[in-house]
Amino acid sequence: MRGINVGGKNKVPMADLRRGLEEQGFERVLTYIQSGNVLLRSDLAAGPLTTKIERLLPRLFKLDSSVIRVAALDRGTFKKVVTQAPRGFGRDPASYRYNVIFLIKVSAREAMKQIEARQGVDQIWQGDKVIYHRYYIPDATKSYMSRITQQPIYGSITVRNWNTTTRLLQLLDEDAAS
């Protein structure tokens, strides 16, 4: 989810979010950290699920709904996000930070047009449903990634670091195995 528990705004306690989604009939609802990562079981496809949750959140919580967006991915699609990452992505965390930019109702091709990379600092790669971003830690303040907040696409993305992304896949796999 995009737009909850960011900068002290749109506060949503994860226990309340889990309970609210369960009361709406979703099964095996699990949240991960405070940034809007939710795993659940539903018979709905990703599109209708996205719409249902986006409409539900402002009814359950006092939120600025103009910034709330949901990127719903099924387990197979999420697995591809991780397995189709660029070669070596995530392997040098002492030198680089790795982020996955999840796209919400926008194509990766369109997103790539609005994301700038500073040579020698940033590197970006286009995925199917995401953009992969890596920046060199010593030059983090020189990264152009912060410019994305000024682009029209900003309202259609949510960013997760690589550790969170891979942990979510691990949780999905554990749930599927049980």
N, C-alpha and C. Protein backbone atom coordinates (compact mmCIF):
# COMPACT_ATOMS: atom_id res chain seq x y z
N MET A 1 0.85 -1.18 0.00
CA MET A 1 0.00 0.00 0.00
C MET A 1 0.88 1.23 0.00
N ARG A 2 0.43 2.22 -0.70
CA ARG A 2 1.15 3.48 -0.77
C ARG A 2 0.38 4.52 0.03
N GLY A 3 1.11 5.31 0.80
CA GLY A 3 0.51 6.48 1.44
C GLY A 3 0.05 6.30 2.87
N ILE A 4 0.36 5.16 3.50
CA ILE A 4 0.01 5.02 4.91
C ILE A 4 1.27 4.98 5.76
N ASN A 5 1.16 5.54 6.96
CA ASN A 5 2.26 5.57 7.93
C ASN A 5 3.54 6.18 7.35
N VAL A 6 3.37 7.27 6.62
CA VAL A 6 4.51 7.96 6.03
C VAL A 6 4.61 9.36 6.65
N GLY A 7 5.72 9.64 7.27
CA GLY A 7 5.94 10.98 7.83
C GLY A 7 4.90 11.38 8.87
N GLY A 8 4.39 10.43 9.62
CA GLY A 8 3.42 10.73 10.66
C GLY A 8 2.01 10.98 10.15
N LYS A 9 1.79 10.78 8.85
CA LYS A 9 0.46 11.01 8.26
C LYS A 9 -0.19 9.68 7.90
N ASN A 10 -1.52 9.72 7.81
CA ASN A 10 -2.28 8.53 7.45
C ASN A 10 -1.90 7.33 8.30
N LYS A 11 -1.89 7.56 9.61
CA LYS A 11 -1.49 6.49 10.53
C LYS A 11 -2.54 5.37 10.55
N VAL A 12 -2.04 4.18 10.36
CA VAL A 12 -2.89 2.99 10.39
C VAL A 12 -2.16 1.92 11.20
N PRO A 13 -2.65 1.60 12.38
CA PRO A 13 -2.05 0.50 13.14
C PRO A 13 -2.23 -0.82 12.38
N MET A 14 -1.17 -1.57 12.25
CA MET A 14 -1.22 -2.80 11.47
C MET A 14 -2.21 -3.82 12.03
N ALA A 15 -2.34 -3.89 13.34
CA ALA A 15 -3.32 -4.81 13.93
C ALA A 15 -4.74 -4.43 13.51
N ASP A 16 -5.02 -3.13 13.48
CA ASP A 16 -6.35 -2.66 13.05
C ASP A 16 -6.56 -2.93 11.57
N LEU A 17 -5.51 -2.77 10.77
CA LEU A 17 -5.61 -3.04 9.34
C LEU A 17 -5.90 -4.52 9.11
N ARG A 18 -5.17 -5.39 9.79
CA ARG A 18 -5.41 -6.83 9.67
C ARG A 18 -6.86 -7.16 10.03
N ARG A 19 -7.29 -6.65 11.16
CA ARG A 19 -8.65 -6.93 11.64
C ARG A 19 -9.69 -6.42 10.63
N GLY A 20 -9.48 -5.21 10.12
CA GLY A 20 -10.41 -4.63 9.16
C GLY A 20 -10.51 -5.45 7.88
N LEU A 21 -9.38 -5.93 7.40
CA LEU A 21 -9.39 -6.75 6.18
C LEU A 21 -10.02 -8.11 6.44
N GLU A 22 -9.75 -8.68 7.60
CA GLU A 22 -10.38 -9.96 7.95
C GLU A 22 -11.89 -9.81 8.06
N GLU A 23 -12.35 -8.71 8.63
CA GLU A 23 -13.79 -8.47 8.75
C GLU A 23 -14.46 -8.30 7.39
N GLN A 24 -13.69 -7.97 6.38
CA GLN A 24 -14.22 -7.85 5.02
C GLN A 24 -14.16 -9.17 4.26
N GLY A 25 -13.74 -10.23 4.94
CA GLY A 25 -13.75 -11.55 4.34
C GLY A 25 -12.43 -12.04 3.79
N PHE A 26 -11.38 -11.24 3.91
CA PHE A 26 -10.08 -11.70 3.44
C PHE A 26 -9.52 -12.71 4.44
N GLU A 27 -8.80 -13.68 3.93
CA GLU A 27 -8.28 -14.75 4.77
C GLU A 27 -6.77 -14.65 4.91
N ARG A 28 -6.27 -15.20 6.00
CA ARG A 28 -4.84 -15.30 6.29
C ARG A 28 -4.13 -13.96 6.08
N VAL A 29 -4.70 -12.93 6.65
CA VAL A 29 -4.15 -11.58 6.52
C VAL A 29 -2.92 -11.46 7.41
N LEU A 30 -1.84 -11.01 6.81
CA LEU A 30 -0.58 -10.83 7.51
C LEU A 30 0.00 -9.48 7.08
N THR A 31 0.46 -8.70 8.05
CA THR A 31 1.14 -7.45 7.72
C THR A 31 2.62 -7.62 8.05
N TYR A 32 3.43 -6.84 7.34
CA TYR A 32 4.87 -6.87 7.58
C TYR A 32 5.38 -5.45 7.70
N ILE A 33 6.01 -5.14 8.78
CA ILE A 33 6.47 -3.83 9.21
C ILE A 33 5.33 -2.80 9.06
N GLN A 34 5.60 -1.56 9.31
CA GLN A 34 4.55 -0.54 9.42
C GLN A 34 4.26 0.21 8.13
N SER A 35 4.83 -0.21 7.01
CA SER A 35 4.72 0.60 5.80
C SER A 35 3.68 0.13 4.80
N GLY A 36 2.71 -0.65 5.26
CA GLY A 36 1.61 -1.01 4.37
C GLY A 36 1.82 -2.27 3.56
N ASN A 37 2.65 -3.16 4.03
CA ASN A 37 2.84 -4.43 3.35
C ASN A 37 1.83 -5.42 3.92
N VAL A 38 0.94 -5.91 3.07
CA VAL A 38 -0.10 -6.83 3.50
C VAL A 38 -0.10 -8.05 2.59
N LEU A 39 -0.12 -9.21 3.21
CA LEU A 39 -0.29 -10.46 2.48
C LEU A 39 -1.64 -11.01 2.89
N LEU A 40 -2.40 -11.50 1.91
CA LEU A 40 -3.71 -12.06 2.23
C LEU A 40 -4.13 -13.02 1.14
N ARG A 41 -5.15 -13.77 1.46
CA ARG A 41 -5.74 -14.68 0.48
C ARG A 41 -7.08 -14.12 0.06
N SER A 42 -7.31 -14.18 -1.25
CA SER A 42 -8.56 -13.69 -1.82
C SER A 42 -8.82 -14.42 -3.13
N ASP A 43 -10.10 -14.58 -3.46
CA ASP A 43 -10.48 -15.15 -4.75
C ASP A 43 -10.46 -14.09 -5.85
N LEU A 44 -10.32 -12.83 -5.47
CA LEU A 44 -10.33 -11.74 -6.44
C LEU A 44 -9.01 -11.68 -7.20
N ALA A 45 -9.09 -11.32 -8.47
CA ALA A 45 -7.89 -11.05 -9.26
C ALA A 45 -7.29 -9.73 -8.78
N ALA A 46 -6.06 -9.46 -9.19
CA ALA A 46 -5.33 -8.28 -8.71
C ALA A 46 -6.08 -6.97 -8.94
N GLY A 47 -6.66 -6.78 -10.12
CA GLY A 47 -7.36 -5.52 -10.42
C GLY A 47 -8.54 -5.26 -9.51
N PRO A 48 -9.50 -6.19 -9.44
CA PRO A 48 -10.63 -5.98 -8.53
C PRO A 48 -10.22 -5.91 -7.05
N LEU A 49 -9.19 -6.65 -6.69
CA LEU A 49 -8.70 -6.61 -5.30
C LEU A 49 -8.16 -5.22 -4.98
N THR A 50 -7.39 -4.66 -5.90
CA THR A 50 -6.86 -3.31 -5.73
C THR A 50 -7.99 -2.32 -5.50
N THR A 51 -8.98 -2.36 -6.36
CA THR A 51 -10.11 -1.43 -6.26
C THR A 51 -10.84 -1.59 -4.93
N LYS A 52 -11.10 -2.82 -4.55
CA LYS A 52 -11.83 -3.07 -3.30
C LYS A 52 -11.08 -2.51 -2.09
N ILE A 53 -9.78 -2.77 -2.02
CA ILE A 53 -9.01 -2.31 -0.86
C ILE A 53 -8.85 -0.79 -0.87
N GLU A 54 -8.63 -0.20 -2.06
CA GLU A 54 -8.51 1.26 -2.13
C GLU A 54 -9.79 1.96 -1.66
N ARG A 55 -10.93 1.38 -1.96
CA ARG A 55 -12.21 1.95 -1.52
C ARG A 55 -12.46 1.69 -0.05
N LEU A 56 -11.98 0.58 0.43
CA LEU A 56 -12.21 0.16 1.81
C LEU A 56 -11.40 0.98 2.82
N LEU A 57 -10.15 1.25 2.52
CA LEU A 57 -9.25 1.89 3.48
C LEU A 57 -9.79 3.21 4.03
N PRO A 58 -10.28 4.14 3.21
CA PRO A 58 -10.80 5.39 3.78
C PRO A 58 -12.07 5.19 4.62
N ARG A 59 -12.79 4.10 4.39
CA ARG A 59 -13.97 3.82 5.21
C ARG A 59 -13.57 3.26 6.57
N LEU A 60 -12.47 2.51 6.62
CA LEU A 60 -12.03 1.90 7.87
C LEU A 60 -11.21 2.85 8.73
N PHE A 61 -10.49 3.79 8.08
CA PHE A 61 -9.57 4.66 8.80
C PHE A 61 -9.72 6.09 8.31
N LYS A 62 -9.35 7.02 9.17
CA LYS A 62 -9.37 8.44 8.78
C LYS A 62 -8.09 8.71 7.98
N LEU A 63 -8.24 8.78 6.66
CA LEU A 63 -7.09 8.89 5.78
C LEU A 63 -7.29 9.98 4.73
N ASP A 64 -6.20 10.52 4.26
CA ASP A 64 -6.22 11.36 3.07
C ASP A 64 -6.23 10.39 1.89
N SER A 65 -7.39 10.08 1.39
CA SER A 65 -7.52 9.04 0.37
C SER A 65 -6.89 9.44 -0.97
N SER A 66 -6.55 10.72 -1.15
CA SER A 66 -5.94 11.14 -2.41
C SER A 66 -4.54 10.55 -2.60
N VAL A 67 -3.89 10.14 -1.53
CA VAL A 67 -2.54 9.57 -1.66
C VAL A 67 -2.51 8.05 -1.47
N ILE A 68 -3.64 7.47 -1.15
CA ILE A 68 -3.70 6.02 -0.93
C ILE A 68 -3.81 5.29 -2.26
N ARG A 69 -2.90 4.36 -2.47
CA ARG A 69 -2.92 3.50 -3.64
C ARG A 69 -2.51 2.10 -3.20
N VAL A 70 -3.00 1.12 -3.95
CA VAL A 70 -2.69 -0.28 -3.64
C VAL A 70 -2.09 -0.92 -4.88
N ALA A 71 -0.99 -1.61 -4.69
CA ALA A 71 -0.38 -2.43 -5.74
C ALA A 71 -0.60 -3.88 -5.33
N ALA A 72 -1.59 -4.52 -5.92
CA ALA A 72 -1.90 -5.91 -5.59
C ALA A 72 -1.23 -6.82 -6.62
N LEU A 73 -0.42 -7.74 -6.12
CA LEU A 73 0.26 -8.70 -6.99
C LEU A 73 -0.01 -10.10 -6.46
N ASP A 74 -0.30 -11.01 -7.38
CA ASP A 74 -0.44 -12.40 -6.93
C ASP A 74 0.94 -12.98 -6.67
N ARG A 75 0.97 -14.12 -6.01
CA ARG A 75 2.23 -14.72 -5.60
C ARG A 75 3.17 -14.96 -6.77
N GLY A 76 2.64 -15.46 -7.87
CA GLY A 76 3.47 -15.73 -9.05
C GLY A 76 4.12 -14.47 -9.61
N THR A 77 3.35 -13.40 -9.68
CA THR A 77 3.88 -12.13 -10.17
C THR A 77 4.93 -11.59 -9.22
N PHE A 78 4.65 -11.68 -7.91
CA PHE A 78 5.62 -11.20 -6.93
C PHE A 78 6.91 -12.00 -7.02
N LYS A 79 6.79 -13.29 -7.21
CA LYS A 79 7.98 -14.14 -7.33
C LYS A 79 8.82 -13.70 -8.54
N LYS A 80 8.16 -13.34 -9.64
CA LYS A 80 8.88 -12.86 -10.82
C LYS A 80 9.61 -11.56 -10.53
N VAL A 81 9.01 -10.69 -9.72
CA VAL A 81 9.68 -9.44 -9.35
C VAL A 81 11.05 -9.75 -8.74
N VAL A 82 11.11 -10.76 -7.91
CA VAL A 82 12.37 -11.11 -7.25
C VAL A 82 13.29 -11.89 -8.19
N THR A 83 12.77 -12.89 -8.87
CA THR A 83 13.63 -13.75 -9.69
C THR A 83 14.10 -13.06 -10.97
N GLN A 84 13.37 -12.06 -11.43
CA GLN A 84 13.77 -11.36 -12.66
C GLN A 84 14.54 -10.07 -12.38
N ALA A 85 14.98 -9.89 -11.14
CA ALA A 85 15.80 -8.72 -10.82
C ALA A 85 17.10 -8.80 -11.62
N PRO A 86 17.71 -7.66 -11.88
CA PRO A 86 18.98 -7.67 -12.62
C PRO A 86 20.02 -8.56 -11.96
N ARG A 87 20.87 -9.09 -12.76
CA ARG A 87 21.93 -9.97 -12.26
C ARG A 87 22.74 -9.25 -11.19
N GLY A 88 22.90 -9.89 -10.04
CA GLY A 88 23.68 -9.34 -8.94
C GLY A 88 22.94 -8.34 -8.07
N PHE A 89 21.68 -8.08 -8.40
CA PHE A 89 20.91 -7.10 -7.64
C PHE A 89 20.79 -7.56 -6.19
N GLY A 90 21.15 -6.67 -5.27
CA GLY A 90 21.06 -6.97 -3.85
C GLY A 90 22.29 -7.62 -3.25
N ARG A 91 23.30 -7.87 -4.05
CA ARG A 91 24.44 -8.66 -3.57
C ARG A 91 25.56 -7.86 -2.90
N ASP A 92 25.52 -6.54 -2.96
CA ASP A 92 26.59 -5.75 -2.34
C ASP A 92 25.99 -4.66 -1.45
N PRO A 93 25.31 -5.06 -0.37
CA PRO A 93 24.63 -4.08 0.48
C PRO A 93 25.58 -3.17 1.26
N ALA A 94 26.85 -3.49 1.31
CA ALA A 94 27.80 -2.60 1.97
C ALA A 94 28.10 -1.37 1.12
N SER A 95 27.96 -1.51 -0.20
CA SER A 95 28.27 -0.40 -1.11
C SER A 95 27.03 0.27 -1.71
N TYR A 96 25.95 -0.50 -1.85
CA TYR A 96 24.77 0.00 -2.55
C TYR A 96 23.49 -0.21 -1.76
N ARG A 97 22.52 0.64 -2.00
CA ARG A 97 21.15 0.43 -1.52
C ARG A 97 20.34 -0.02 -2.73
N TYR A 98 19.49 -0.97 -2.50
CA TYR A 98 18.69 -1.55 -3.57
C TYR A 98 17.21 -1.34 -3.26
N ASN A 99 16.49 -0.80 -4.22
CA ASN A 99 15.05 -0.55 -4.06
C ASN A 99 14.28 -1.13 -5.23
N VAL A 100 13.06 -1.50 -4.94
CA VAL A 100 12.14 -1.93 -5.98
C VAL A 100 11.00 -0.92 -5.98
N ILE A 101 10.76 -0.32 -7.13
CA ILE A 101 9.70 0.66 -7.29
C ILE A 101 8.51 -0.07 -7.90
N PHE A 102 7.51 -0.30 -7.08
CA PHE A 102 6.30 -0.99 -7.52
C PHE A 102 5.39 0.01 -8.21
N LEU A 103 4.90 -0.36 -9.37
CA LEU A 103 4.10 0.53 -10.20
C LEU A 103 2.62 0.26 -9.99
N ILE A 104 1.85 1.33 -9.91
CA ILE A 104 0.42 1.22 -9.66
C ILE A 104 -0.33 1.87 -10.82
N LYS A 105 -0.92 1.05 -11.66
CA LYS A 105 -1.72 1.51 -12.80
C LYS A 105 -0.91 2.38 -13.75
N VAL A 106 0.35 2.04 -13.93
CA VAL A 106 1.22 2.71 -14.90
C VAL A 106 2.19 1.66 -15.43
N SER A 107 2.53 1.76 -16.69
CA SER A 107 3.45 0.77 -17.28
C SER A 107 4.89 1.08 -16.91
N ALA A 108 5.71 0.06 -16.93
CA ALA A 108 7.13 0.23 -16.65
C ALA A 108 7.77 1.13 -17.70
N ARG A 109 7.33 1.01 -18.92
CA ARG A 109 7.88 1.85 -19.99
C ARG A 109 7.61 3.33 -19.73
N GLU A 110 6.39 3.64 -19.34
CA GLU A 110 6.03 5.02 -19.02
C GLU A 110 6.80 5.51 -17.79
N ALA A 111 6.94 4.66 -16.80
CA ALA A 111 7.66 5.03 -15.59
C ALA A 111 9.12 5.36 -15.89
N MET A 112 9.74 4.58 -16.75
CA MET A 112 11.14 4.80 -17.09
C MET A 112 11.39 6.17 -17.70
N LYS A 113 10.40 6.73 -18.36
CA LYS A 113 10.53 8.05 -18.97
C LYS A 113 10.63 9.16 -17.92
N GLN A 114 10.13 8.87 -16.71
CA GLN A 114 10.07 9.91 -15.67
C GLN A 114 11.09 9.71 -14.54
N ILE A 115 11.85 8.65 -14.61
CA ILE A 115 12.83 8.37 -13.55
C ILE A 115 14.22 8.67 -14.07
N GLU A 116 14.90 9.57 -13.40
CA GLU A 116 16.26 9.95 -13.79
C GLU A 116 17.28 9.18 -12.97
N ALA A 117 18.38 8.86 -13.62
CA ALA A 117 19.50 8.20 -12.94
C ALA A 117 20.74 9.06 -13.13
N ARG A 118 21.41 9.35 -12.05
CA ARG A 118 22.65 10.12 -12.14
C ARG A 118 23.80 9.16 -12.39
N GLN A 119 24.52 9.40 -13.46
CA GLN A 119 25.62 8.52 -13.84
C GLN A 119 26.64 8.41 -12.69
N GLY A 120 27.04 7.20 -12.40
CA GLY A 120 28.01 6.95 -11.35
C GLY A 120 27.42 6.84 -9.96
N VAL A 121 26.13 7.17 -9.83
CA VAL A 121 25.46 7.11 -8.53
C VAL A 121 24.27 6.15 -8.59
N ASP A 122 23.37 6.43 -9.52
CA ASP A 122 22.14 5.65 -9.66
C ASP A 122 22.25 4.70 -10.84
N GLN A 123 21.52 3.61 -10.73
CA GLN A 123 21.32 2.74 -11.87
C GLN A 123 19.89 2.23 -11.77
N ILE A 124 19.19 2.25 -12.89
CA ILE A 124 17.81 1.77 -12.92
C ILE A 124 17.65 0.75 -14.04
N TRP A 125 16.76 -0.19 -13.78
CA TRP A 125 16.45 -1.22 -14.76
C TRP A 125 14.93 -1.37 -14.82
N GLN A 126 14.43 -1.58 -16.00
CA GLN A 126 12.99 -1.79 -16.19
C GLN A 126 12.66 -3.26 -16.02
N GLY A 127 11.68 -3.52 -15.16
CA GLY A 127 11.13 -4.86 -15.02
C GLY A 127 9.75 -4.90 -15.66
N ASP A 128 9.03 -5.98 -15.44
CA ASP A 128 7.68 -6.10 -16.00
C ASP A 128 6.68 -5.20 -15.27
N LYS A 129 6.66 -5.28 -13.95
CA LYS A 129 5.69 -4.54 -13.14
C LYS A 129 6.38 -3.59 -12.17
N VAL A 130 7.69 -3.50 -12.27
CA VAL A 130 8.48 -2.71 -11.33
C VAL A 130 9.66 -2.06 -12.06
N ILE A 131 10.29 -1.15 -11.33
CA ILE A 131 11.57 -0.59 -11.74
C ILE A 131 12.55 -0.93 -10.62
N TYR A 132 13.71 -1.41 -10.97
CA TYR A 132 14.74 -1.73 -10.00
C TYR A 132 15.69 -0.53 -9.92
N HIS A 133 16.05 -0.15 -8.72
CA HIS A 133 16.92 1.01 -8.52
C HIS A 133 18.03 0.66 -7.55
N ARG A 134 19.23 1.10 -7.91
CA ARG A 134 20.38 0.91 -7.04
C ARG A 134 21.14 2.23 -6.99
N TYR A 135 21.57 2.60 -5.78
CA TYR A 135 22.43 3.78 -5.69
C TYR A 135 23.62 3.49 -4.79
N TYR A 136 24.70 4.19 -5.11
CA TYR A 136 25.96 4.04 -4.40
C TYR A 136 25.88 4.79 -3.08
N ILE A 137 26.05 4.11 -1.97
CA ILE A 137 25.83 4.68 -0.63
C ILE A 137 26.67 5.93 -0.36
N PRO A 138 27.98 5.93 -0.64
CA PRO A 138 28.74 7.16 -0.33
C PRO A 138 28.24 8.40 -1.07
N ASP A 139 27.56 8.21 -2.20
CA ASP A 139 27.05 9.33 -2.98
C ASP A 139 25.53 9.46 -2.88
N ALA A 140 24.95 8.95 -1.83
CA ALA A 140 23.49 8.92 -1.70
C ALA A 140 22.87 10.31 -1.85
N THR A 141 23.51 11.33 -1.32
CA THR A 141 22.95 12.68 -1.40
C THR A 141 22.99 13.24 -2.82
N LYS A 142 23.73 12.59 -3.70
CA LYS A 142 23.82 13.02 -5.10
C LYS A 142 22.84 12.29 -6.00
N SER A 143 22.13 11.32 -5.44
CA SER A 143 21.19 10.53 -6.22
C SER A 143 20.08 11.40 -6.79
N TYR A 144 19.68 11.11 -7.99
CA TYR A 144 18.55 11.82 -8.63
C TYR A 144 17.20 11.21 -8.23
N MET A 145 17.22 10.13 -7.50
CA MET A 145 15.95 9.46 -7.20
C MET A 145 14.99 10.36 -6.45
N SER A 146 15.49 11.27 -5.64
CA SER A 146 14.57 12.15 -4.91
C SER A 146 13.77 13.04 -5.85
N ARG A 147 14.24 13.22 -7.06
CA ARG A 147 13.52 14.03 -8.04
C ARG A 147 12.19 13.41 -8.46
N ILE A 148 12.06 12.14 -8.21
CA ILE A 148 10.82 11.46 -8.61
C ILE A 148 9.59 12.04 -7.90
N THR A 149 9.81 12.62 -6.73
CA THR A 149 8.68 13.21 -5.99
C THR A 149 8.08 14.40 -6.74
N GLN A 150 8.80 14.96 -7.69
CA GLN A 150 8.31 16.09 -8.47
C GLN A 150 7.69 15.66 -9.80
N GLN A 151 7.69 14.36 -10.07
CA GLN A 151 7.17 13.85 -11.33
C GLN A 151 5.72 13.41 -11.19
N PRO A 152 4.96 13.49 -12.28
CA PRO A 152 3.55 13.03 -12.23
C PRO A 152 3.41 11.58 -11.78
N ILE A 153 4.39 10.78 -12.07
CA ILE A 153 4.33 9.35 -11.73
C ILE A 153 4.38 9.08 -10.24
N TYR A 154 4.81 10.04 -9.46
CA TYR A 154 5.03 9.81 -8.03
C TYR A 154 3.79 9.24 -7.32
N GLY A 155 2.63 9.67 -7.69
CA GLY A 155 1.41 9.16 -7.08
C GLY A 155 1.07 7.74 -7.49
N SER A 156 1.82 7.20 -8.43
CA SER A 156 1.55 5.86 -8.96
C SER A 156 2.66 4.86 -8.66
N ILE A 157 3.42 5.14 -7.60
CA ILE A 157 4.49 4.21 -7.22
C ILE A 157 4.52 4.03 -5.71
N THR A 158 5.08 2.93 -5.31
CA THR A 158 5.44 2.72 -3.91
C THR A 158 6.77 1.99 -3.92
N VAL A 159 7.67 2.38 -3.05
CA VAL A 159 9.04 1.86 -3.06
C VAL A 159 9.26 0.97 -1.84
N ARG A 160 9.89 -0.17 -2.09
CA ARG A 160 10.29 -1.07 -1.02
C ARG A 160 11.76 -1.40 -1.21
N ASN A 161 12.50 -1.50 -0.12
CA ASN A 161 13.90 -1.88 -0.27
C ASN A 161 13.97 -3.38 -0.59
N TRP A 162 15.12 -3.80 -1.05
CA TRP A 162 15.29 -5.18 -1.49
C TRP A 162 15.08 -6.17 -0.35
N ASN A 163 15.54 -5.84 0.84
CA ASN A 163 15.34 -6.75 1.98
C ASN A 163 13.86 -6.97 2.25
N THR A 164 13.07 -5.90 2.23
CA THR A 164 11.63 -6.04 2.44
C THR A 164 11.00 -6.85 1.32
N THR A 165 11.40 -6.58 0.10
CA THR A 165 10.84 -7.30 -1.06
C THR A 165 11.11 -8.79 -0.96
N THR A 166 12.34 -9.16 -0.65
CA THR A 166 12.66 -10.59 -0.57
C THR A 166 12.01 -11.24 0.66
N ARG A 167 11.88 -10.49 1.74
CA ARG A 167 11.21 -11.04 2.92
C ARG A 167 9.73 -11.28 2.63
N LEU A 168 9.10 -10.39 1.90
CA LEU A 168 7.69 -10.60 1.55
C LEU A 168 7.52 -11.86 0.71
N LEU A 169 8.44 -12.10 -0.22
CA LEU A 169 8.36 -13.34 -1.00
C LEU A 169 8.54 -14.55 -0.10
N GLN A 170 9.46 -14.47 0.84
CA GLN A 170 9.66 -15.57 1.78
C GLN A 170 8.37 -15.85 2.56
N LEU A 171 7.70 -14.80 3.01
CA LEU A 171 6.44 -14.97 3.73
C LEU A 171 5.36 -15.57 2.84
N LEU A 172 5.31 -15.14 1.58
CA LEU A 172 4.35 -15.72 0.63
C LEU A 172 4.62 -17.20 0.43
N ASP A 173 5.89 -17.55 0.28
CA ASP A 173 6.25 -18.95 0.08
C ASP A 173 5.91 -19.79 1.31
N GLU A 174 6.17 -19.24 2.49
CA GLU A 174 5.83 -19.96 3.74
C GLU A 174 4.33 -20.18 3.84
N ASP A 175 3.55 -19.18 3.46
CA ASP A 175 2.10 -19.31 3.51
C ASP A 175 1.62 -20.36 2.51
N ALA A 176 2.20 -20.37 1.32
CA ALA A 176 1.80 -21.34 0.31
C ALA A 176 2.13 -22.75 0.72
N ALA A 177 3.21 -22.92 1.46
CA ALA A 177 3.64 -24.25 1.91
C ALA A 177 2.78 -24.78 3.05
N SER A 178 2.09 -23.87 3.76
CA SER A 178 1.31 -24.34 4.91
C SER A 178 -0.12 -24.67 4.55
